Amino acid sequence: MANVTVIPAKPMQELKGLEVTAKPRVCAYCRVSTDNEEQLSSYEAQVSHYTDHIKRNPEWAFSGIYADEVRPE
């Protein structure tokens, strides 16, 4: 029977030259696609929610919010 050698995968941080203990960087993307006032407050709620959610996780490093407001012409 053939002998099989398992080679474990290297952590992504090691492949990128980072410390293996480095926290993953996490961001969020928020957007609004209408002029509706409810949607505009939704945009602010999204930014607030995801900022808080990411920052509360001690295993993540917050790297920002990417956001835009797309309004139809």
C-alpha atoms as a PDB file:
ATOM      1  CA  MET A   1       0.000   0.000   0.000  1.00  0.00           C
ATOM      2  CA  ALA A   2       1.225   3.534  -0.828  1.00  0.00           C
ATOM      3  CA  ASN A   3       2.480   5.765   1.940  1.00  0.00           C
ATOM      4  CA  VAL A   4       0.679   9.153   2.062  1.00  0.00           C
ATOM      5  CA  THR A   5       2.282  12.247   3.585  1.00  0.00           C
ATOM      6  CA  VAL A   6      -0.046  15.079   4.547  1.00  0.00           C
ATOM      7  CA  ILE A   7       1.451  18.570   4.271  1.00  0.00           C
ATOM      8  CA  PRO A   8      -0.618  21.033   6.347  1.00  0.00           C
ATOM      9  CA  ALA A   9      -1.596  24.364   4.805  1.00  0.00           C
ATOM     10  CA  LYS A  10       0.210  27.453   6.029  1.00  0.00           C
ATOM     11  CA  PRO A  11      -1.866  30.189   7.660  1.00  0.00           C
ATOM     12  CA  MET A  12      -2.692  33.108   5.318  1.00  0.00           C
ATOM     13  CA  GLN A  13      -0.841  35.518   7.614  1.00  0.00           C
ATOM     14  CA  GLU A  14       2.353  33.511   7.198  1.00  0.00           C
ATOM     15  CA  LEU A  15       1.977  33.507   3.419  1.00  0.00           C
ATOM     16  CA  LYS A  16       1.560  37.299   3.462  1.00  0.00           C
ATOM     17  CA  GLY A  17       4.585  37.773   5.687  1.00  0.00           C
ATOM     18  CA  LEU A  18       2.533  38.800   8.740  1.00  0.00           C
ATOM     19  CA  GLU A  19       2.757  37.454  12.240  1.00  0.00           C
ATOM     20  CA  VAL A  20       0.699  34.302  12.601  1.00  0.00           C
ATOM     21  CA  THR A  21      -1.030  35.909  15.582  1.00  0.00           C
ATOM     22  CA  ALA A  22      -2.147  38.954  13.537  1.00  0.00           C
ATOM     23  CA  LYS A  23      -5.875  39.630  13.633  1.00  0.00           C
ATOM     24  CA  PRO A  24      -7.804  39.558  10.370  1.00  0.00           C
ATOM     25  CA  ARG A  25      -8.677  43.053   9.144  1.00  0.00           C
ATOM     26  CA  VAL A  26     -12.422  43.446   8.711  1.00  0.00           C
ATOM     27  CA  CYS A  27     -14.401  46.168   6.950  1.00  0.00           C
ATOM     28  CA  ALA A  28     -17.983  46.648   5.741  1.00  0.00           C
ATOM     29  CA  TYR A  29     -19.615  48.107   2.650  1.00  0.00           C
ATOM     30  CA  CYS A  30     -22.794  50.171   3.139  1.00  0.00           C
ATOM     31  CA  ARG A  31     -24.986  51.760   0.494  1.00  0.00           C
ATOM     32  CA  VAL A  32     -28.316  53.384  -0.256  1.00  0.00           C
ATOM     33  CA  SER A  33     -29.912  53.333  -3.689  1.00  0.00           C
ATOM     34  CA  THR A  34     -32.911  55.659  -3.356  1.00  0.00           C
ATOM     35  CA  ASP A  35     -33.792  59.218  -2.323  1.00  0.00           C
ATOM     36  CA  ASN A  36     -36.371  57.912   0.133  1.00  0.00           C
ATOM     37  CA  GLU A  37     -35.826  59.471   3.592  1.00  0.00           C
ATOM     38  CA  GLU A  38     -36.165  56.046   5.230  1.00  0.00           C
ATOM     39  CA  GLN A  39     -33.314  54.805   3.078  1.00  0.00           C
ATOM     40  CA  LEU A  40     -31.079  57.709   4.108  1.00  0.00           C
ATOM     41  CA  SER A  41     -31.547  56.877   7.777  1.00  0.00           C
ATOM     42  CA  SER A  42     -30.932  53.238   6.847  1.00  0.00           C
ATOM     43  CA  TYR A  43     -27.558  54.255   5.458  1.00  0.00           C
ATOM     44  CA  GLU A  44     -26.586  55.873   8.767  1.00  0.00           C
ATOM     45  CA  ALA A  45     -27.902  52.833  10.651  1.00  0.00           C
ATOM     46  CA  GLN A  46     -25.847  50.478   8.467  1.00  0.00           C
ATOM     47  CA  VAL A  47     -22.630  52.424   9.056  1.00  0.00           C
ATOM     48  CA  SER A  48     -23.264  52.558  12.806  1.00  0.00           C
ATOM     49  CA  HIS A  49     -24.255  48.883  13.067  1.00  0.00           C
ATOM     50  CA  TYR A  50     -21.317  47.461  11.166  1.00  0.00           C
ATOM     51  CA  THR A  51     -18.786  49.765  12.813  1.00  0.00           C
ATOM     52  CA  ASP A  52     -19.976  48.674  16.268  1.00  0.00           C
ATOM     53  CA  HIS A  53     -20.284  45.010  15.250  1.00  0.00           C
ATOM     54  CA  ILE A  54     -16.735  44.803  13.923  1.00  0.00           C
ATOM     55  CA  LYS A  55     -15.159  46.777  16.769  1.00  0.00           C
ATOM     56  CA  ARG A  56     -16.859  44.619  19.420  1.00  0.00           C
ATOM     57  CA  ASN A  57     -15.198  41.438  18.157  1.00  0.00           C
ATOM     58  CA  PRO A  58     -11.835  41.199  19.945  1.00  0.00           C
ATOM     59  CA  GLU A  59     -10.504  38.806  17.307  1.00  0.00           C
ATOM     60  CA  TRP A  60     -10.912  41.362  14.470  1.00  0.00           C
ATOM     61  CA  ALA A  61      -9.000  44.512  13.574  1.00  0.00           C
ATOM     62  CA  PHE A  62     -11.389  47.200  12.276  1.00  0.00           C
ATOM     63  CA  SER A  63     -10.160  48.526   8.939  1.00  0.00           C
ATOM     64  CA  GLY A  64     -12.971  50.897   8.059  1.00  0.00           C
ATOM     65  CA  ILE A  65     -16.300  51.345   6.356  1.00  0.00           C
ATOM     66  CA  TYR A  66     -16.607  51.613   2.609  1.00  0.00           C
ATOM     67  CA  ALA A  67     -19.770  53.483   1.757  1.00  0.00           C
ATOM     68  CA  ASP A  68     -21.549  55.356  -0.973  1.00  0.00           C
ATOM     69  CA  GLU A  69     -24.953  56.821  -1.604  1.00  0.00           C
ATOM     70  CA  VAL A  70     -26.258  55.904  -5.059  1.00  0.00           C
ATOM     71  CA  ARG A  71     -29.148  58.155  -5.998  1.00  0.00           C
ATOM     72  CA  PRO A  72     -31.201  57.619  -9.142  1.00  0.00           C
ATOM     73  CA  GLU A  73     -31.315  60.509 -11.608  1.00  0.00           C
END
